[in-house]
């Protein structure tokens, strides 16, 4: 099968979407399929196109234009030209705005099938944005198949599209790469971590991911238990003022911020964490959740989005209301005083991901959907 994937981001761009698209592209290519990824790249000069390879995947990046409409038109034109050359069997847009819209439009133009993936903000927030909502509704209308990474997102897609055939395909994790290991002393020294318990978070810290709650809980916890916080992945530009204000208010609290790291470099950072937190206000199915679990780390997460699909509260993780700071402080205080409980949660967490959230399962479910869609055409 010849597959064209569209995504608004792709590595070295940061973020869970970029990581997920690369994982899917590589796994499909390794299964013997021809895979091309087409994505804008902010670092490229406007109007330029560059083709490279990422392992077995052909990657086409182009420089976005000053106006969004011109960028989307260039994206469409570029993929149509690629289709003339490679004759794709299917177009798959990851994230409805804007990749899903372009994927469905070029598929209709070429008379071929399309799939769109719902990832999180594209249905949690963008239907309420008058500039982006039209792209959401047209993508859902035009797609031959809709995939959601969580049951909650599938329900929203069904409500907005009126379709009953929305498929749930959960993210997977490479449990060989992300596996338990001893905390590396050299990395601990490089990061200037001391012997206090480490509360960890990976990914781009921002308001939606509960950055404000992380900082408040960290400060309150340290009133009775000395801890340190490790944020791996940097802080989103618009939320950096929040971190600077926190540091001025709490200059003695050890808050360690590490810039974005390649996904394959993350396991040693997880190993340094005594507990990993995901206090999201809303979320899809974050890679961080599955990666931390695969590394055998105890996870405390908000009871929202994909966390509800993955975790059994008290068995392989702990889920808390996203707005209850006191519950977060009390839970972390208890866990950090109870190493056996943390170990049991981590062991069960790894068991969950290696049995239910594998990359092979994600790949096979995706290919089964592709075959149905192509056969239907």
Protein backbone atom coordinates (compact mmCIF):
# COMPACT_ATOMS: atom_id res chain seq x y z
CA UNK A 1 0.00 0.00 0.00
CA UNK A 2 1.20 3.54 -0.77
CA UNK A 3 0.25 5.86 2.08
CA UNK A 4 0.51 9.63 2.35
CA UNK A 5 0.45 10.97 5.91
CA UNK A 6 -0.16 14.65 6.59
CA UNK A 7 0.74 16.30 9.88
CA UNK A 8 1.04 19.84 11.13
CA UNK A 9 4.27 18.88 12.91
CA UNK A 10 6.98 16.26 12.51
CA UNK A 11 10.35 15.78 14.27
CA UNK A 12 12.51 17.68 14.97
CA UNK A 13 9.36 19.68 15.84
CA UNK A 14 8.47 19.14 19.49
CA UNK A 15 5.23 17.76 20.84
CA UNK A 16 3.27 14.56 21.11
CA UNK A 17 1.72 14.86 17.65
CA UNK A 18 5.12 14.87 15.95
CA UNK A 19 6.24 11.86 17.99
CA UNK A 20 3.06 9.92 17.21
CA UNK A 21 3.18 10.60 13.47
CA UNK A 22 6.81 9.45 13.26
CA UNK A 23 6.01 6.30 15.24
CA UNK A 24 3.11 5.42 12.96
CA UNK A 25 5.00 6.26 9.77
CA UNK A 26 7.98 4.12 10.69
CA UNK A 27 5.88 1.19 11.86
CA UNK A 28 3.81 1.20 8.67
CA UNK A 29 6.96 1.39 6.53
CA UNK A 30 8.63 -1.44 8.44
CA UNK A 31 5.54 -3.55 7.76
CA UNK A 32 6.36 -3.29 4.04
CA UNK A 33 4.27 -0.30 2.97
CA UNK A 34 5.44 2.80 1.11
CA UNK A 35 5.00 5.79 3.41
CA UNK A 36 5.38 9.49 2.66
CA UNK A 37 4.90 12.25 5.24
CA UNK A 38 4.12 15.82 4.18
CA UNK A 39 4.37 18.56 6.80
CA UNK A 40 5.10 22.29 7.03
CA UNK A 41 8.37 23.31 8.64
CA UNK A 42 8.68 26.76 10.20
CA UNK A 43 12.44 26.74 9.77
CA UNK A 44 12.23 26.49 5.98
CA UNK A 45 12.07 29.48 3.67
CA UNK A 46 8.50 30.26 2.52
CA UNK A 47 7.55 28.37 -0.62
CA UNK A 48 10.52 25.98 -0.55
CA UNK A 49 10.20 22.19 -0.50
CA UNK A 50 12.75 19.70 0.82
CA UNK A 51 12.58 15.90 0.65
CA UNK A 52 14.59 13.72 3.01
CA UNK A 53 14.35 10.23 4.45
CA UNK A 54 13.66 9.34 8.07
CA UNK A 55 14.66 5.69 8.16
CA UNK A 56 12.25 3.93 5.79
CA UNK A 57 9.97 6.98 5.48
CA UNK A 58 10.09 9.71 2.81
CA UNK A 59 9.56 13.10 4.45
CA UNK A 60 8.53 16.19 2.47
CA UNK A 61 8.80 19.51 4.38
CA UNK A 62 7.81 22.89 3.01
CA UNK A 63 8.14 26.45 4.21
CA UNK A 64 4.80 27.98 5.25
CA UNK A 65 3.63 31.23 3.70
CA UNK A 66 2.82 34.41 5.62
CA UNK A 67 -0.92 33.82 5.26
CA UNK A 68 -2.52 30.58 6.42
CA UNK A 69 -4.69 30.26 3.31
CA UNK A 70 -1.61 30.44 1.08
CA UNK A 71 0.14 27.81 3.22
CA UNK A 72 -2.83 25.45 2.89
CA UNK A 73 -3.05 26.03 -0.86
CA UNK A 74 0.68 25.25 -1.22
CA UNK A 75 0.22 22.11 0.90
CA UNK A 76 -2.64 20.98 -1.34
CA UNK A 77 -0.73 21.71 -4.55
CA UNK A 78 2.39 19.95 -3.31
CA UNK A 79 0.53 16.78 -2.33
CA UNK A 80 -1.41 16.73 -5.58
CA UNK A 81 1.92 16.87 -7.43
CA UNK A 82 3.32 14.06 -5.27
CA UNK A 83 0.23 11.97 -5.96
CA UNK A 84 0.75 12.39 -9.71
CA UNK A 85 4.23 10.97 -9.21
CA UNK A 86 3.58 8.22 -6.64
CA UNK A 87 -0.15 7.40 -7.06
CA UNK A 88 -1.03 7.04 -3.38
CA UNK A 89 -3.71 4.60 -2.27
CA UNK A 90 -4.82 6.67 0.70
CA UNK A 91 -4.37 10.02 2.48
CA UNK A 92 -4.34 10.23 6.28
CA UNK A 93 -4.41 13.56 8.11
CA UNK A 94 -3.21 13.51 11.72
CA UNK A 95 -5.02 16.30 13.61
CA UNK A 96 -8.12 17.71 11.98
CA UNK A 97 -6.89 21.30 11.77
CA UNK A 98 -5.18 21.69 9.38
CA UNK A 99 -3.75 18.37 8.23
CA UNK A 100 -7.09 16.60 8.23
CA UNK A 101 -8.72 19.27 6.11
CA UNK A 102 -6.00 19.20 3.47
CA UNK A 103 -5.95 15.39 3.47
CA UNK A 104 -9.68 15.12 2.84
CA UNK A 105 -9.67 17.85 0.21
CA UNK A 106 -6.81 16.41 -1.81
CA UNK A 107 -8.33 12.93 -1.51
CA UNK A 108 -11.64 14.12 -2.93
CA UNK A 109 -9.76 15.93 -5.69
CA UNK A 110 -7.83 12.75 -6.57
CA UNK A 111 -10.83 10.45 -6.20
CA UNK A 112 -9.17 8.47 -3.43
CA UNK A 113 -10.02 7.65 0.21
CA UNK A 114 -9.05 9.66 3.26
CA UNK A 115 -8.72 9.09 6.99
CA UNK A 116 -8.53 11.77 9.68
CA UNK A 117 -7.20 11.29 13.21
CA UNK A 118 -8.67 13.20 16.15
CA UNK A 119 -5.91 13.83 18.69
CA UNK A 120 -7.11 16.25 21.38
CA UNK A 121 -7.30 20.01 21.00
CA UNK A 122 -8.75 19.62 17.51
CA UNK A 123 -12.07 18.59 19.12
CA UNK A 124 -11.63 19.77 22.71
CA UNK A 125 -11.06 23.42 21.79
CA UNK A 126 -11.11 24.20 18.06
CA UNK A 127 -14.84 23.68 17.41
CA UNK A 128 -15.28 26.79 19.58
CA UNK A 129 -12.82 28.88 17.56
CA UNK A 130 -14.65 30.68 14.75
CA UNK A 131 -11.50 30.68 12.58
CA UNK A 132 -10.87 26.94 12.89
CA UNK A 133 -14.33 25.45 13.38
CA UNK A 134 -15.09 25.31 9.62
CA UNK A 135 -12.00 23.15 9.09
CA UNK A 136 -13.17 20.82 11.86
CA UNK A 137 -16.64 20.28 10.45
CA UNK A 138 -15.56 19.90 6.81
CA UNK A 139 -12.85 17.40 7.75
CA UNK A 140 -15.36 15.28 9.65
CA UNK A 141 -17.85 15.51 6.77
CA UNK A 142 -15.43 14.67 3.97
CA UNK A 143 -13.35 11.90 5.60
CA UNK A 144 -14.03 8.32 4.57
CA UNK A 145 -13.00 7.23 8.07
CA UNK A 146 -12.47 8.98 11.40
CA UNK A 147 -10.06 7.71 14.04
CA UNK A 148 -9.91 8.95 17.63
CA UNK A 149 -7.17 8.17 20.15
CA UNK A 150 -9.62 8.11 23.08
CA UNK A 151 -13.21 7.08 23.68
CA UNK A 152 -14.11 10.60 24.78
CA UNK A 153 -12.79 12.09 21.54
CA UNK A 154 -14.66 9.42 19.56
CA UNK A 155 -17.86 10.44 21.31
CA UNK A 156 -17.25 14.10 20.43
CA UNK A 157 -16.49 13.19 16.82
CA UNK A 158 -19.72 11.21 16.63
CA UNK A 159 -21.68 14.10 18.13
CA UNK A 160 -20.24 16.66 15.71
CA UNK A 161 -20.34 14.49 12.59
CA UNK A 162 -23.53 12.52 13.17
CA UNK A 163 -21.59 9.37 12.24
CA UNK A 164 -21.63 6.14 14.21
CA UNK A 165 -18.54 4.61 12.58
CA UNK A 166 -15.81 6.54 14.41
CA UNK A 167 -12.98 4.13 15.27
CA UNK A 168 -10.90 4.25 18.47
CA UNK A 169 -7.24 3.38 17.97
CA UNK A 170 -5.15 4.06 21.04
CA UNK A 171 -1.55 5.22 20.89
CA UNK A 172 1.10 2.58 21.44
CA UNK A 173 4.51 2.64 23.08
CA UNK A 174 7.77 0.85 22.31
CA UNK A 175 8.18 -1.09 25.54
CA UNK A 176 11.64 -2.28 24.56
CA UNK A 177 12.97 1.27 24.27
CA UNK A 178 10.91 2.53 27.20
CA UNK A 179 11.76 0.04 29.93
CA UNK A 180 12.73 0.19 33.60
CA UNK A 181 16.34 1.07 34.31
CA UNK A 182 18.43 2.27 37.23
CA UNK A 183 18.62 6.04 37.65
CA UNK A 184 21.81 7.13 35.83
CA UNK A 185 24.19 8.87 38.29
CA UNK A 186 25.92 10.86 35.54
CA UNK A 187 22.66 12.38 34.30
CA UNK A 188 21.61 13.11 37.87
CA UNK A 189 24.87 14.98 38.39
CA UNK A 190 24.55 16.86 35.09
CA UNK A 191 21.07 18.05 36.04
CA UNK A 192 22.28 18.96 39.54
CA UNK A 193 19.65 16.81 41.20
CA UNK A 194 20.26 16.00 44.84
CA UNK A 195 18.89 13.11 46.89
CA UNK A 196 15.45 14.61 47.47
CA UNK A 197 12.51 12.81 45.76
CA UNK A 198 11.98 13.87 42.15
CA UNK A 199 8.54 14.79 40.81
CA UNK A 200 8.75 14.55 37.01
CA UNK A 201 6.91 15.72 33.93
CA UNK A 202 7.90 15.27 30.29
CA UNK A 203 6.59 17.15 27.29
CA UNK A 204 6.10 20.85 26.66
CA UNK A 205 4.83 22.31 29.94
CA UNK A 206 1.90 24.66 29.38
CA UNK A 207 -1.39 25.75 30.86
CA UNK A 208 -3.45 22.98 29.25
CA UNK A 209 -1.10 20.37 30.71
CA UNK A 210 -1.71 21.76 34.20
CA UNK A 211 1.48 23.80 34.56
CA UNK A 212 -0.12 26.12 37.10
CA UNK A 213 -1.27 23.17 39.20
CA UNK A 214 2.16 21.53 39.00
CA UNK A 215 3.79 24.62 40.44
CA UNK A 216 1.18 25.22 43.14
CA UNK A 217 1.24 21.60 44.28
CA UNK A 218 5.04 21.55 44.24
CA UNK A 219 5.16 24.60 46.51
CA UNK A 220 2.55 23.29 48.94
CA UNK A 221 4.13 19.85 49.09
CA UNK A 222 7.46 21.37 50.07
CA UNK A 223 5.88 22.91 53.17
CA UNK A 224 6.02 19.43 54.75
CA UNK A 225 8.24 17.32 52.46
CA UNK A 226 11.41 18.43 50.70
CA UNK A 227 11.18 17.51 47.01
CA UNK A 228 12.49 18.69 43.65
CA UNK A 229 10.72 19.00 40.30
CA UNK A 230 12.06 17.99 36.89
CA UNK A 231 10.34 19.33 33.76
CA UNK A 232 11.74 17.71 30.61
CA UNK A 233 10.64 19.39 27.39
CA UNK A 234 10.77 23.08 28.15
CA UNK A 235 7.93 25.54 28.72
CA UNK A 236 5.68 26.96 26.02
CA UNK A 237 6.51 30.57 25.19
CA UNK A 238 3.24 32.08 26.38
CA UNK A 239 3.51 30.33 29.76
CA UNK A 240 7.11 31.19 30.63
CA UNK A 241 6.06 34.25 32.59
CA UNK A 242 4.20 31.93 34.95
CA UNK A 243 7.40 29.99 35.66
CA UNK A 244 9.43 33.15 36.16
CA UNK A 245 6.85 34.48 38.61
CA UNK A 246 6.95 31.17 40.50
CA UNK A 247 10.74 31.30 40.74
CA UNK A 248 10.63 34.83 42.12
CA UNK A 249 8.07 33.76 44.70
CA UNK A 250 9.93 30.55 45.61
CA UNK A 251 13.64 31.10 44.88
CA UNK A 252 14.72 28.23 47.15
CA UNK A 253 12.62 25.52 45.52
CA UNK A 254 14.63 23.32 43.11
CA UNK A 255 12.79 23.51 39.79
CA UNK A 256 14.88 21.93 37.02
CA UNK A 257 13.79 22.64 33.43
CA UNK A 258 15.37 20.65 30.60
CA UNK A 259 14.90 21.70 26.96
CA UNK A 260 13.15 19.33 24.54
CA UNK A 261 14.96 16.03 24.05
CA UNK A 262 14.71 13.47 21.22
CA UNK A 263 12.05 10.94 22.09
CA UNK A 264 14.55 8.07 22.12
CA UNK A 265 16.63 9.93 24.76
CA UNK A 266 13.83 10.12 27.34
CA UNK A 267 14.05 6.75 29.22
CA UNK A 268 16.95 7.84 31.48
CA UNK A 269 15.00 10.94 32.47
CA UNK A 270 12.00 8.83 33.46
CA UNK A 271 14.34 6.66 35.53
CA UNK A 272 15.26 9.70 37.63
CA UNK A 273 11.63 10.35 38.59
CA UNK A 274 10.18 8.95 41.81
CA UNK A 275 6.74 9.81 40.49
CA UNK A 276 5.51 11.21 37.16
CA UNK A 277 2.58 13.62 37.17
CA UNK A 278 0.11 14.58 34.43
CA UNK A 279 -2.24 17.21 35.90
CA UNK A 280 -3.85 18.05 32.54
CA UNK A 281 -6.99 20.17 32.40
CA UNK A 282 -7.96 18.24 29.26
CA UNK A 283 -6.00 15.83 27.10
CA UNK A 284 -6.00 13.22 24.38
CA UNK A 285 -3.81 10.19 25.02
CA UNK A 286 -0.40 11.66 25.91
CA UNK A 287 2.70 9.73 24.94
CA UNK A 288 4.14 10.72 28.33
CA UNK A 289 1.56 8.61 30.12
CA UNK A 290 2.38 5.43 28.19
CA UNK A 291 6.14 6.06 28.21
CA UNK A 292 6.27 6.61 31.97
CA UNK A 293 4.18 3.49 32.56
CA UNK A 294 6.39 1.42 30.25
CA UNK A 295 9.41 2.63 32.25
CA UNK A 296 7.77 1.31 35.40
CA UNK A 297 7.19 4.74 36.92
CA UNK A 298 4.24 5.38 39.24
CA UNK A 299 1.91 7.89 37.59
CA UNK A 300 -0.49 10.38 39.12
CA UNK A 301 -2.80 11.84 36.46
CA UNK A 302 -5.94 13.88 36.03
CA UNK A 303 -9.08 11.86 35.49
CA UNK A 304 -9.62 13.28 32.00
CA UNK A 305 -9.36 12.20 28.36
CA UNK A 306 -7.22 9.19 27.57
CA UNK A 307 -6.17 8.69 31.19
CA UNK A 308 -9.63 7.21 31.74
CA UNK A 309 -9.02 4.71 28.90
CA UNK A 310 -5.64 3.56 30.22
CA UNK A 311 -5.53 3.69 34.01
CA UNK A 312 -7.34 1.66 36.63
CA UNK A 313 -7.26 3.95 39.63
CA UNK A 314 -5.15 2.55 42.46
CA UNK A 315 -3.95 -0.42 40.39
CA UNK A 316 -1.58 0.86 37.67
CA UNK A 317 -1.75 4.56 38.48
CA UNK A 318 -3.69 7.11 40.45
CA UNK A 319 -6.30 9.44 38.97
CA UNK A 320 -7.39 12.65 40.65
CA UNK A 321 -9.81 15.49 39.89
CA UNK A 322 -7.87 18.05 37.83
CA UNK A 323 -9.03 20.96 40.01
CA UNK A 324 -8.36 19.61 43.53
CA UNK A 325 -4.93 20.87 44.62
CA UNK A 326 -5.30 19.41 48.11
CA UNK A 327 -5.89 15.92 46.72
CA UNK A 328 -2.73 16.21 44.60
CA UNK A 329 -0.64 17.34 47.57
CA UNK A 330 -1.97 14.59 49.86
CA UNK A 331 -1.52 11.86 47.24
CA UNK A 332 2.04 12.83 46.37
CA UNK A 333 2.92 13.14 50.05
CA UNK A 334 1.63 9.63 50.69
CA UNK A 335 3.30 8.08 47.66
CA UNK A 336 6.69 9.64 48.29
CA UNK A 337 6.64 8.20 51.80
CA UNK A 338 5.74 4.71 50.54
CA UNK A 339 8.39 3.15 48.22
CA UNK A 340 6.65 -0.28 48.11
CA UNK A 341 3.43 1.34 46.89
CA UNK A 342 5.34 3.21 44.18
CA UNK A 343 7.04 0.02 43.08
CA UNK A 344 3.76 -1.88 42.91
CA UNK A 345 2.11 0.86 40.87
CA UNK A 346 5.08 0.97 38.48
CA UNK A 347 5.12 -2.80 37.98
CA UNK A 348 1.40 -2.88 37.25
CA UNK A 349 1.73 0.13 34.95
CA UNK A 350 4.29 -1.62 32.78
CA UNK A 351 2.15 -4.74 32.65
CA UNK A 352 -0.77 -2.65 31.38
CA UNK A 353 1.10 -1.07 28.49
CA UNK A 354 2.89 -4.22 27.31
CA UNK A 355 -0.41 -6.08 27.10
CA UNK A 356 -2.78 -3.35 25.86
CA UNK A 357 -0.89 -0.42 24.30
CA UNK A 358 1.71 -1.85 21.95
CA UNK A 359 2.99 -0.30 18.74
CA UNK A 360 2.15 -3.54 16.94
CA UNK A 361 -1.46 -3.28 18.05
CA UNK A 362 -1.64 0.35 16.96
CA UNK A 363 -0.12 -0.53 13.56
CA UNK A 364 -2.37 -3.54 12.95
CA UNK A 365 -5.54 -1.64 13.84
CA UNK A 366 -4.52 1.20 11.53
CA UNK A 367 -3.78 -1.15 8.64
CA UNK A 368 -7.08 -2.97 9.12
CA UNK A 369 -8.90 0.35 8.83
CA UNK A 370 -6.87 1.33 5.75
CA UNK A 371 -7.80 -1.92 4.01
CA UNK A 372 -11.48 -1.40 4.78
CA UNK A 373 -11.41 2.15 3.45
CA UNK A 374 -9.50 1.27 0.29
CA UNK A 375 -11.74 -1.73 -0.38
CA UNK A 376 -14.79 0.47 0.10
CA UNK A 377 -13.57 2.73 -2.68
